[in-house]
C-alpha atoms as a PDB file:
ATOM      1  CA  MET A   1     163.753 122.219  74.225  1.00  0.00           C
ATOM      2  CA  PRO A   2     160.101 122.764  75.178  1.00  0.00           C
ATOM      3  CA  SER A   3     158.994 125.883  76.607  1.00  0.00           C
ATOM      4  CA  ALA A   4     157.336 126.143  80.119  1.00  0.00           C
ATOM      5  CA  ASP A   5     153.931 126.752  78.356  1.00  0.00           C
ATOM      6  CA  ASP A   6     154.492 123.585  76.159  1.00  0.00           C
ATOM      7  CA  LEU A   7     155.253 121.441  79.310  1.00  0.00           C
ATOM      8  CA  GLN A   8     152.456 122.991  81.048  1.00  0.00           C
ATOM      9  CA  ALA A   9     150.144 122.044  78.154  1.00  0.00           C
ATOM     10  CA  PHE A  10     151.461 118.467  77.886  1.00  0.00           C
ATOM     11  CA  ALA A  11     151.149 118.051  81.488  1.00  0.00           C
ATOM     12  CA  GLU A  12     147.239 119.188  81.397  1.00  0.00           C
ATOM     13  CA  GLN A  13     146.874 116.564  78.550  1.00  0.00           C
ATOM     14  CA  ILE A  14     148.449 113.894  80.341  1.00  0.00           C
ATOM     15  CA  GLY A  15     146.140 114.865  83.604  1.00  0.00           C
ATOM     16  CA  ALA A  16     143.049 114.702  81.576  1.00  0.00           C
ATOM     17  CA  LEU A  17     143.738 110.827  80.062  1.00  0.00           C
ATOM     18  CA  PRO A  18     141.412 108.307  81.725  1.00  0.00           C
ATOM     19  CA  VAL A  19     143.608 105.707  83.583  1.00  0.00           C
ATOM     20  CA  ASP A  20     141.199 103.082  82.389  1.00  0.00           C
ATOM     21  CA  GLY A  21     141.745 103.677  78.762  1.00  0.00           C
ATOM     22  CA  LEU A  22     145.599 103.699  79.530  1.00  0.00           C
ATOM     23  CA  LEU A  23     145.394 100.186  81.063  1.00  0.00           C
ATOM     24  CA  LEU A  24     143.284  98.860  78.134  1.00  0.00           C
ATOM     25  CA  SER A  25     145.942 100.194  75.807  1.00  0.00           C
ATOM     26  CA  THR A  26     148.882  99.083  77.718  1.00  0.00           C
ATOM     27  CA  VAL A  27     147.503  95.554  78.360  1.00  0.00           C
ATOM     28  CA  SER A  28     146.509  95.252  74.729  1.00  0.00           C
ATOM     29  CA  THR A  29     150.080  96.277  73.696  1.00  0.00           C
ATOM     30  CA  PHE A  30     151.679  93.742  76.177  1.00  0.00           C
ATOM     31  CA  LEU A  31     149.662  90.863  74.453  1.00  0.00           C
ATOM     32  CA  THR A  32     150.601  91.974  71.219  1.00  0.00           C
ATOM     33  CA  VAL A  33     154.171  92.221  71.870  1.00  0.00           C
ATOM     34  CA  GLY A  34     154.221  89.000  73.744  1.00  0.00           C
ATOM     35  CA  GLN A  35     152.837  87.294  70.783  1.00  0.00           C
ATOM     36  CA  ALA A  36     155.487  88.827  68.591  1.00  0.00           C
ATOM     37  CA  LYS A  37     158.152  87.832  70.800  1.00  0.00           C
ATOM     38  CA  LEU A  38     157.011  84.231  70.890  1.00  0.00           C
ATOM     39  CA  ASP A  39     156.751  84.197  67.312  1.00  0.00           C
ATOM     40  CA  ARG A  40     160.463  85.005  67.119  1.00  0.00           C
ATOM     41  CA  ARG A  41     161.273  82.473  69.930  1.00  0.00           C
ATOM     42  CA  GLU A  42     162.321  85.275  72.287  1.00  0.00           C
ATOM     43  CA  LEU A  43     160.658  83.379  75.311  1.00  0.00           C
ATOM     44  CA  ALA A  44     162.181  85.598  77.801  1.00  0.00           C
ATOM     45  CA  GLU A  45     160.740  88.864  76.391  1.00  0.00           C
ATOM     46  CA  ALA A  46     157.246  86.913  75.823  1.00  0.00           C
ATOM     47  CA  ARG A  47     157.340  85.994  79.415  1.00  0.00           C
ATOM     48  CA  LYS A  48     157.953  89.485  80.462  1.00  0.00           C
ATOM     49  CA  ALA A  49     154.997  90.579  78.280  1.00  0.00           C
ATOM     50  CA  ILE A  50     152.609  88.115  79.658  1.00  0.00           C
ATOM     51  CA  GLU A  51     153.668  88.750  83.244  1.00  0.00           C
ATOM     52  CA  ALA A  52     153.179  92.539  82.738  1.00  0.00           C
ATOM     53  CA  ALA A  53     149.729  92.001  81.208  1.00  0.00           C
ATOM     54  CA  LEU A  54     148.858  89.452  84.062  1.00  0.00           C
ATOM     55  CA  ALA A  55     149.773  92.274  86.656  1.00  0.00           C
ATOM     56  CA  LEU A  56     147.692  94.997  85.038  1.00  0.00           C
ATOM     57  CA  LEU A  57     144.599  92.942  84.031  1.00  0.00           C
ATOM     58  CA  PRO A  58     143.006  92.887  87.389  1.00  0.00           C
ATOM     59  CA  GLN A  59     143.022  96.673  87.452  1.00  0.00           C
ATOM     60  CA  LEU A  60     140.623  96.706  84.381  1.00  0.00           C
ATOM     61  CA  PRO A  61     137.026  97.266  84.619  1.00  0.00           C
ATOM     62  CA  GLU A  62     135.124  93.836  84.300  1.00  0.00           C
ATOM     63  CA  GLU A  63     133.967  94.111  80.829  1.00  0.00           C
ATOM     64  CA  PRO A  64     137.383  94.888  78.990  1.00  0.00           C
ATOM     65  CA  ARG A  65     139.041  92.451  81.476  1.00  0.00           C
ATOM     66  CA  ARG A  66     136.835  89.675  80.381  1.00  0.00           C
ATOM     67  CA  ALA A  67     137.209  90.658  76.772  1.00  0.00           C
ATOM     68  CA  LEU A  68     141.305  90.241  77.098  1.00  0.00           C
ATOM     69  CA  GLU A  69     141.260  87.290  79.335  1.00  0.00           C
ATOM     70  CA  PRO A  70     140.972  84.648  76.413  1.00  0.00           C
ATOM     71  CA  GLY A  71     143.638  86.208  74.358  1.00  0.00           C
ATOM     72  CA  LEU A  72     145.998  86.144  77.637  1.00  0.00           C
ATOM     73  CA  ALA A  73     145.078  82.641  78.382  1.00  0.00           C
ATOM     74  CA  GLN A  74     145.890  81.522  74.569  1.00  0.00           C
ATOM     75  CA  LEU A  75     149.113  83.416  74.685  1.00  0.00           C
ATOM     76  CA  GLN A  76     149.834  81.629  77.889  1.00  0.00           C
ATOM     77  CA  VAL A  77     149.285  78.326  76.553  1.00  0.00           C
ATOM     78  CA  ALA A  78     151.491  78.995  73.203  1.00  0.00           C
ATOM     79  CA  TYR A  79     154.113  80.238  75.688  1.00  0.00           C
ATOM     80  CA  ALA A  80     154.239  77.049  77.632  1.00  0.00           C
ATOM     81  CA  THR A  81     153.966  75.066  74.493  1.00  0.00           C
ATOM     82  CA  ALA A  82     157.025  76.908  73.077  1.00  0.00           C
ATOM     83  CA  ALA A  83     158.973  76.719  76.449  1.00  0.00           C
ATOM     84  CA  SER A  84     158.661  72.846  76.892  1.00  0.00           C
ATOM     85  CA  GLY A  85     159.986  71.889  73.523  1.00  0.00           C
END
């Protein structure tokens, strides 16, 4: 079990993390997972990942948001194609 000092140090580390960096990492992860789920034909899981990325994307600063939008659009098209046939 972690000590009180360990917990305090962890809380300080978490507090120092930039939210924009976490958002970027999280959206990127959802896109990667969404593609992997789509490749495995796990359409419900792929859809969840796409929807999560869509929900978080507007929170990103403009530059990283614009960089991720094409990948998300491609994933949405691939999902729609897989879901329709």
